[in-house]
Amino acid sequence: WAYSAEPFRRRLDWLYEGWIEWLP
């Protein structure tokens, strides 16, 4: 499920690049 959610994470990264920071 985490693997299947990778497209959503990448789109958020694209839309908000620089504004958001991920901490896995």
PDB file of all heavy atoms in Angstrom:
ATOM      1  N   TRP A   1       0.833  -1.202   0.000  1.00  0.00           N
ATOM      2  CA  TRP A   1       0.000   0.000   0.000  1.00  0.00           C
ATOM      3  C   TRP A   1       0.868   1.254   0.000  1.00  0.00           C
ATOM      4  O   TRP A   1       0.549   2.237  -0.698  1.00  0.00           O
ATOM      5  CB  TRP A   1      -0.941  -0.019   1.205  1.00  0.00           C
ATOM      6  CG  TRP A   1      -1.887  -1.176   1.156  1.00  0.00           C
ATOM      7  CD1 TRP A   1      -1.837  -2.318   1.904  1.00  0.00           C
ATOM      8  CD2 TRP A   1      -2.996  -1.327   0.264  1.00  0.00           C
ATOM      9  NE1 TRP A   1      -2.851  -3.159   1.539  1.00  0.00           N
ATOM     10  CE2 TRP A   1      -3.579  -2.584   0.546  1.00  0.00           C
ATOM     11  CE3 TRP A   1      -3.550  -0.522  -0.723  1.00  0.00           C
ATOM     12  CZ2 TRP A   1      -4.697  -3.051  -0.138  1.00  0.00           C
ATOM     13  CZ3 TRP A   1      -4.660  -0.980  -1.405  1.00  0.00           C
ATOM     14  CH2 TRP A   1      -5.225  -2.223  -1.117  1.00  0.00           C
ATOM     15  N   ALA A   2       1.949   1.254   0.760  1.00  0.00           N
ATOM     16  CA  ALA A   2       2.878   2.386   0.720  1.00  0.00           C
ATOM     17  C   ALA A   2       3.478   2.532  -0.674  1.00  0.00           C
ATOM     18  O   ALA A   2       3.643   3.643  -1.191  1.00  0.00           O
ATOM     19  CB  ALA A   2       3.972   2.204   1.763  1.00  0.00           C
ATOM     20  N   TYR A   3       3.816   1.407  -1.285  1.00  0.00           N
ATOM     21  CA  TYR A   3       4.337   1.401  -2.657  1.00  0.00           C
ATOM     22  C   TYR A   3       3.291   1.959  -3.615  1.00  0.00           C
ATOM     23  O   TYR A   3       3.605   2.783  -4.485  1.00  0.00           O
ATOM     24  CB  TYR A   3       4.698  -0.028  -3.006  1.00  0.00           C
ATOM     25  CG  TYR A   3       5.244  -0.292  -4.385  1.00  0.00           C
ATOM     26  CD1 TYR A   3       6.409   0.307  -4.845  1.00  0.00           C
ATOM     27  CD2 TYR A   3       4.613  -1.214  -5.217  1.00  0.00           C
ATOM     28  CE1 TYR A   3       6.922   0.020  -6.103  1.00  0.00           C
ATOM     29  CE2 TYR A   3       5.118  -1.522  -6.469  1.00  0.00           C
ATOM     30  CZ  TYR A   3       6.272  -0.899  -6.919  1.00  0.00           C
ATOM     31  OH  TYR A   3       6.780  -1.202  -8.159  1.00  0.00           O
ATOM     32  N   SER A   4       2.036   1.552  -3.455  1.00  0.00           N
ATOM     33  CA  SER A   4       0.966   2.014  -4.338  1.00  0.00           C
ATOM     34  C   SER A   4       0.656   3.493  -4.139  1.00  0.00           C
ATOM     35  O   SER A   4       0.064   4.129  -5.021  1.00  0.00           O
ATOM     36  CB  SER A   4      -0.306   1.190  -4.104  1.00  0.00           C
ATOM     37  OG  SER A   4      -0.086  -0.175  -4.408  1.00  0.00           O
ATOM     38  N   ALA A   5       1.045   4.047  -2.988  1.00  0.00           N
ATOM     39  CA  ALA A   5       0.819   5.466  -2.718  1.00  0.00           C
ATOM     40  C   ALA A   5       1.953   6.352  -3.218  1.00  0.00           C
ATOM     41  O   ALA A   5       1.842   7.585  -3.144  1.00  0.00           O
ATOM     42  CB  ALA A   5       0.625   5.683  -1.218  1.00  0.00           C
ATOM     43  N   GLU A   6       3.025   5.777  -3.729  1.00  0.00           N
ATOM     44  CA  GLU A   6       4.146   6.576  -4.224  1.00  0.00           C
ATOM     45  C   GLU A   6       3.731   7.600  -5.277  1.00  0.00           C
ATOM     46  O   GLU A   6       4.239   8.724  -5.277  1.00  0.00           O
ATOM     47  CB  GLU A   6       5.246   5.665  -4.769  1.00  0.00           C
ATOM     48  CG  GLU A   6       6.165   5.084  -3.712  1.00  0.00           C
ATOM     49  CD  GLU A   6       7.095   6.133  -3.128  1.00  0.00           C
ATOM     50  OE1 GLU A   6       6.689   6.797  -2.142  1.00  0.00           O
ATOM     51  OE2 GLU A   6       8.211   6.310  -3.640  1.00  0.00           O
ATOM     52  N   PRO A   7       2.807   7.276  -6.212  1.00  0.00           N
ATOM     53  CA  PRO A   7       2.394   8.312  -7.166  1.00  0.00           C
ATOM     54  C   PRO A   7       1.803   9.544  -6.492  1.00  0.00           C
ATOM     55  O   PRO A   7       2.046  10.669  -6.933  1.00  0.00           O
ATOM     56  CB  PRO A   7       1.341   7.584  -8.020  1.00  0.00           C
ATOM     57  CG  PRO A   7       1.724   6.141  -7.937  1.00  0.00           C
ATOM     58  CD  PRO A   7       2.223   5.961  -6.539  1.00  0.00           C
ATOM     59  N   PHE A   8       1.044   9.350  -5.400  1.00  0.00           N
ATOM     60  CA  PHE A   8       0.438  10.484  -4.716  1.00  0.00           C
ATOM     61  C   PHE A   8       1.512  11.326  -4.024  1.00  0.00           C
ATOM     62  O   PHE A   8       1.460  12.560  -4.040  1.00  0.00           O
ATOM     63  CB  PHE A   8      -0.572  10.002  -3.676  1.00  0.00           C
ATOM     64  CG  PHE A   8      -1.673   9.144  -4.229  1.00  0.00           C
ATOM     65  CD1 PHE A   8      -2.353   8.262  -3.406  1.00  0.00           C
ATOM     66  CD2 PHE A   8      -2.029   9.206  -5.563  1.00  0.00           C
ATOM     67  CE1 PHE A   8      -3.366   7.460  -3.902  1.00  0.00           C
ATOM     68  CE2 PHE A   8      -3.051   8.408  -6.075  1.00  0.00           C
ATOM     69  CZ  PHE A   8      -3.713   7.531  -5.239  1.00  0.00           C
ATOM     70  N   ARG A   9       2.477  10.657  -3.381  1.00  0.00           N
ATOM     71  CA  ARG A   9       3.547  11.392  -2.709  1.00  0.00           C
ATOM     72  C   ARG A   9       4.330  12.217  -3.714  1.00  0.00           C
ATOM     73  O   ARG A   9       4.669  13.392  -3.455  1.00  0.00           O
ATOM     74  CB  ARG A   9       4.485  10.423  -1.965  1.00  0.00           C
ATOM     75  CG  ARG A   9       5.539  11.130  -1.119  1.00  0.00           C
ATOM     76  CD  ARG A   9       6.534  10.152  -0.531  1.00  0.00           C
ATOM     77  NE  ARG A   9       7.319   9.486  -1.559  1.00  0.00           N
ATOM     78  CZ  ARG A   9       8.349  10.031  -2.197  1.00  0.00           C
ATOM     79  NH1 ARG A   9       8.724  11.272  -1.919  1.00  0.00           N
ATOM     80  NH2 ARG A   9       9.006   9.353  -3.109  1.00  0.00           N
ATOM     81  N   ARG A  10       4.622  11.627  -4.862  1.00  0.00           N
ATOM     82  CA  ARG A  10       5.398  12.361  -5.872  1.00  0.00           C
ATOM     83  C   ARG A  10       4.606  13.549  -6.424  1.00  0.00           C
ATOM     84  O   ARG A  10       5.175  14.612  -6.706  1.00  0.00           O
ATOM     85  CB  ARG A  10       5.826  11.420  -6.993  1.00  0.00           C
ATOM     86  CG  ARG A  10       6.918  10.462  -6.567  1.00  0.00           C
ATOM     87  CD  ARG A  10       7.509   9.698  -7.736  1.00  0.00           C
ATOM     88  NE  ARG A  10       8.530   8.779  -7.272  1.00  0.00           N
ATOM     89  CZ  ARG A  10       9.793   9.115  -7.051  1.00  0.00           C
ATOM     90  NH1 ARG A  10      10.193  10.356  -7.265  1.00  0.00           N
ATOM     91  NH2 ARG A  10      10.672   8.217  -6.633  1.00  0.00           N
ATOM     92  N   ARG A  11       3.299  13.378  -6.579  1.00  0.00           N
ATOM     93  CA  ARG A  11       2.526  14.516  -7.080  1.00  0.00           C
ATOM     94  C   ARG A  11       2.500  15.648  -6.059  1.00  0.00           C
ATOM     95  O   ARG A  11       2.596  16.822  -6.425  1.00  0.00           O
ATOM     96  CB  ARG A  11       1.102  14.082  -7.435  1.00  0.00           C
ATOM     97  CG  ARG A  11       0.322  15.201  -8.116  1.00  0.00           C
ATOM     98  CD  ARG A  11      -1.003  14.749  -8.654  1.00  0.00           C
ATOM     99  NE  ARG A  11      -1.716  15.860  -9.270  1.00  0.00           N
ATOM    100  CZ  ARG A  11      -2.975  15.812  -9.678  1.00  0.00           C
ATOM    101  NH1 ARG A  11      -3.656  14.675  -9.554  1.00  0.00           N
ATOM    102  NH2 ARG A  11      -3.560  16.855 -10.215  1.00  0.00           N
ATOM    103  N   LEU A  12       2.371  15.318  -4.782  1.00  0.00           N
ATOM    104  CA  LEU A  12       2.457  16.362  -3.752  1.00  0.00           C
ATOM    105  C   LEU A  12       3.814  17.055  -3.793  1.00  0.00           C
ATOM    106  O   LEU A  12       3.902  18.280  -3.650  1.00  0.00           O
ATOM    107  CB  LEU A  12       2.212  15.758  -2.372  1.00  0.00           C
ATOM    108  CG  LEU A  12       0.796  15.284  -2.078  1.00  0.00           C
ATOM    109  CD1 LEU A  12       0.740  14.606  -0.712  1.00  0.00           C
ATOM    110  CD2 LEU A  12      -0.202  16.433  -2.131  1.00  0.00           C
ATOM    111  N   ASP A  13       4.870  16.271  -4.002  1.00  0.00           N
ATOM    112  CA  ASP A  13       6.212  16.851  -4.113  1.00  0.00           C
ATOM    113  C   ASP A  13       6.284  17.824  -5.283  1.00  0.00           C
ATOM    114  O   ASP A  13       6.926  18.873  -5.194  1.00  0.00           O
ATOM    115  CB  ASP A  13       7.252  15.732  -4.301  1.00  0.00           C
ATOM    116  CG  ASP A  13       8.006  15.435  -3.018  1.00  0.00           C
ATOM    117  OD1 ASP A  13       7.865  16.190  -2.049  1.00  0.00           O
ATOM    118  OD2 ASP A  13       8.744  14.434  -3.002  1.00  0.00           O
ATOM    119  N   TRP A  14       5.678  17.439  -6.397  1.00  0.00           N
ATOM    120  CA  TRP A  14       5.696  18.315  -7.569  1.00  0.00           C
ATOM    121  C   TRP A  14       4.920  19.607  -7.273  1.00  0.00           C
ATOM    122  O   TRP A  14       5.410  20.713  -7.505  1.00  0.00           O
ATOM    123  CB  TRP A  14       5.091  17.609  -8.780  1.00  0.00           C
ATOM    124  CG  TRP A  14       4.918  18.535  -9.951  1.00  0.00           C
ATOM    125  CD1 TRP A  14       3.843  19.345 -10.221  1.00  0.00           C
ATOM    126  CD2 TRP A  14       5.868  18.794 -10.993  1.00  0.00           C
ATOM    127  NE1 TRP A  14       4.052  20.084 -11.358  1.00  0.00           N
ATOM    128  CE2 TRP A  14       5.292  19.762 -11.851  1.00  0.00           C
ATOM    129  CE3 TRP A  14       7.133  18.295 -11.277  1.00  0.00           C
ATOM    130  CZ2 TRP A  14       5.951  20.233 -12.982  1.00  0.00           C
ATOM    131  CZ3 TRP A  14       7.793  18.778 -12.423  1.00  0.00           C
ATOM    132  CH2 TRP A  14       7.209  19.736 -13.263  1.00  0.00           C
ATOM    133  N   LEU A  15       3.706  19.464  -6.771  1.00  0.00           N
ATOM    134  CA  LEU A  15       2.842  20.623  -6.566  1.00  0.00           C
ATOM    135  C   LEU A  15       3.403  21.590  -5.529  1.00  0.00           C
ATOM    136  O   LEU A  15       3.271  22.807  -5.671  1.00  0.00           O
ATOM    137  CB  LEU A  15       1.456  20.159  -6.116  1.00  0.00           C
ATOM    138  CG  LEU A  15       0.602  19.440  -7.164  1.00  0.00           C
ATOM    139  CD1 LEU A  15      -0.664  18.891  -6.518  1.00  0.00           C
ATOM    140  CD2 LEU A  15       0.251  20.370  -8.319  1.00  0.00           C
ATOM    141  N   TYR A  16       4.021  21.045  -4.479  1.00  0.00           N
ATOM    142  CA  TYR A  16       4.433  21.867  -3.337  1.00  0.00           C
ATOM    143  C   TYR A  16       5.934  21.781  -3.080  1.00  0.00           C
ATOM    144  O   TYR A  16       6.375  21.931  -1.936  1.00  0.00           O
ATOM    145  CB  TYR A  16       3.666  21.426  -2.084  1.00  0.00           C
ATOM    146  CG  TYR A  16       2.166  21.529  -2.222  1.00  0.00           C
ATOM    147  CD1 TYR A  16       1.375  20.383  -2.267  1.00  0.00           C
ATOM    148  CD2 TYR A  16       1.534  22.764  -2.303  1.00  0.00           C
ATOM    149  CE1 TYR A  16      -0.006  20.466  -2.386  1.00  0.00           C
ATOM    150  CE2 TYR A  16       0.161  22.860  -2.425  1.00  0.00           C
ATOM    151  CZ  TYR A  16      -0.609  21.709  -2.468  1.00  0.00           C
ATOM    152  OH  TYR A  16      -1.975  21.796  -2.594  1.00  0.00           O
ATOM    153  N   GLU A  17       6.708  21.578  -4.125  1.00  0.00           N
ATOM    154  CA  GLU A  17       8.152  21.413  -3.951  1.00  0.00           C
ATOM    155  C   GLU A  17       8.748  22.618  -3.221  1.00  0.00           C
ATOM    156  O   GLU A  17       8.522  23.779  -3.588  1.00  0.00           O
ATOM    157  CB  GLU A  17       8.842  21.233  -5.299  1.00  0.00           C
ATOM    158  CG  GLU A  17      10.315  20.887  -5.167  1.00  0.00           C
ATOM    159  CD  GLU A  17      10.943  20.473  -6.500  1.00  0.00           C
ATOM    160  OE1 GLU A  17      10.489  20.971  -7.547  1.00  0.00           O
ATOM    161  OE2 GLU A  17      11.872  19.656  -6.470  1.00  0.00           O
ATOM    162  N   GLY A  18       9.503  22.320  -2.176  1.00  0.00           N
ATOM    163  CA  GLY A  18      10.120  23.364  -1.384  1.00  0.00           C
ATOM    164  C   GLY A  18       9.290  23.793  -0.183  1.00  0.00           C
ATOM    165  O   GLY A  18       9.835  24.259   0.823  1.00  0.00           O
ATOM    166  N   TRP A  19       7.969  23.629  -0.273  1.00  0.00           N
ATOM    167  CA  TRP A  19       7.099  24.012   0.831  1.00  0.00           C
ATOM    168  C   TRP A  19       6.954  22.896   1.864  1.00  0.00           C
ATOM    169  O   TRP A  19       6.685  23.173   3.035  1.00  0.00           O
ATOM    170  CB  TRP A  19       5.700  24.367   0.319  1.00  0.00           C
ATOM    171  CG  TRP A  19       5.613  25.559  -0.571  1.00  0.00           C
ATOM    172  CD1 TRP A  19       5.371  25.557  -1.917  1.00  0.00           C
ATOM    173  CD2 TRP A  19       5.744  26.930  -0.204  1.00  0.00           C
ATOM    174  NE1 TRP A  19       5.337  26.836  -2.411  1.00  0.00           N
ATOM    175  CE2 TRP A  19       5.563  27.707  -1.374  1.00  0.00           C
ATOM    176  CE3 TRP A  19       5.987  27.580   1.004  1.00  0.00           C
ATOM    177  CZ2 TRP A  19       5.623  29.097  -1.367  1.00  0.00           C
ATOM    178  CZ3 TRP A  19       6.039  28.970   1.009  1.00  0.00           C
ATOM    179  CH2 TRP A  19       5.870  29.711  -0.161  1.00  0.00           C
ATOM    180  N   ILE A  20       7.059  21.622   1.400  1.00  0.00           N
ATOM    181  CA  ILE A  20       6.837  20.497   2.303  1.00  0.00           C
ATOM    182  C   ILE A  20       8.123  19.698   2.478  1.00  0.00           C
ATOM    183  O   ILE A  20       8.972  19.648   1.588  1.00  0.00           O
ATOM    184  CB  ILE A  20       5.707  19.573   1.801  1.00  0.00           C
ATOM    185  CG1 ILE A  20       6.035  18.978   0.426  1.00  0.00           C
ATOM    186  CG2 ILE A  20       4.386  20.309   1.750  1.00  0.00           C
ATOM    187  CD1 ILE A  20       4.990  18.008  -0.082  1.00  0.00           C
ATOM    188  N   GLU A  21       8.245  19.106   3.648  1.00  0.00           N
ATOM    189  CA  GLU A  21       9.408  18.282   3.967  1.00  0.00           C
ATOM    190  C   GLU A  21       8.908  16.940   4.505  1.00  0.00           C
ATOM    191  O   GLU A  21       8.062  16.907   5.404  1.00  0.00           O
ATOM    192  CB  GLU A  21      10.277  18.979   5.019  1.00  0.00           C
ATOM    193  CG  GLU A  21      11.514  18.204   5.421  1.00  0.00           C
ATOM    194  CD  GLU A  21      12.346  18.963   6.439  1.00  0.00           C
ATOM    195  OE1 GLU A  21      11.838  19.212   7.558  1.00  0.00           O
ATOM    196  OE2 GLU A  21      13.483  19.322   6.116  1.00  0.00           O
ATOM    197  N   TRP A  22       9.436  15.863   3.946  1.00  0.00           N
ATOM    198  CA  TRP A  22       9.031  14.519   4.341  1.00  0.00           C
ATOM    199  C   TRP A  22      10.025  13.938   5.339  1.00  0.00           C
ATOM    200  O   TRP A  22      11.238  14.060   5.162  1.00  0.00           O
ATOM    201  CB  TRP A  22       8.972  13.600   3.121  1.00  0.00           C
ATOM    202  CG  TRP A  22       7.974  14.000   2.077  1.00  0.00           C
ATOM    203  CD1 TRP A  22       8.176  14.879   1.050  1.00  0.00           C
ATOM    204  CD2 TRP A  22       6.623  13.556   1.969  1.00  0.00           C
ATOM    205  NE1 TRP A  22       7.033  14.996   0.299  1.00  0.00           N
ATOM    206  CE2 TRP A  22       6.061  14.195   0.844  1.00  0.00           C
ATOM    207  CE3 TRP A  22       5.845  12.666   2.710  1.00  0.00           C
ATOM    208  CZ2 TRP A  22       4.746  13.970   0.435  1.00  0.00           C
ATOM    209  CZ3 TRP A  22       4.533  12.443   2.303  1.00  0.00           C
ATOM    210  CH2 TRP A  22       3.995  13.093   1.181  1.00  0.00           C
ATOM    211  N   LEU A  23       9.487  13.291   6.366  1.00  0.00           N
ATOM    212  CA  LEU A  23      10.323  12.572   7.324  1.00  0.00           C
ATOM    213  C   LEU A  23       9.817  11.129   7.399  1.00  0.00           C
ATOM    214  O   LEU A  23       8.900  10.825   8.176  1.00  0.00           O
ATOM    215  CB  LEU A  23      10.269  13.223   8.712  1.00  0.00           C
ATOM    216  CG  LEU A  23      11.066  12.499   9.807  1.00  0.00           C
ATOM    217  CD1 LEU A  23      12.551  12.441   9.463  1.00  0.00           C
ATOM    218  CD2 LEU A  23      10.855  13.176  11.159  1.00  0.00           C
ATOM    219  N   PRO A  24      10.387  10.227   6.583  1.00  0.00           N
ATOM    220  CA  PRO A  24       9.958   8.826   6.654  1.00  0.00           C
ATOM    221  C   PRO A  24      10.344   8.199   7.994  1.00  0.00           C
ATOM    222  O   PRO A  24      11.457   8.374   8.483  1.00  0.00           O
ATOM    223  CB  PRO A  24      10.718   8.160   5.497  1.00  0.00           C
ATOM    224  CG  PRO A  24      11.140   9.276   4.601  1.00  0.00           C
ATOM    225  CD  PRO A  24      11.382  10.434   5.516  1.00  0.00           C
TER     226      PRO A  24
END
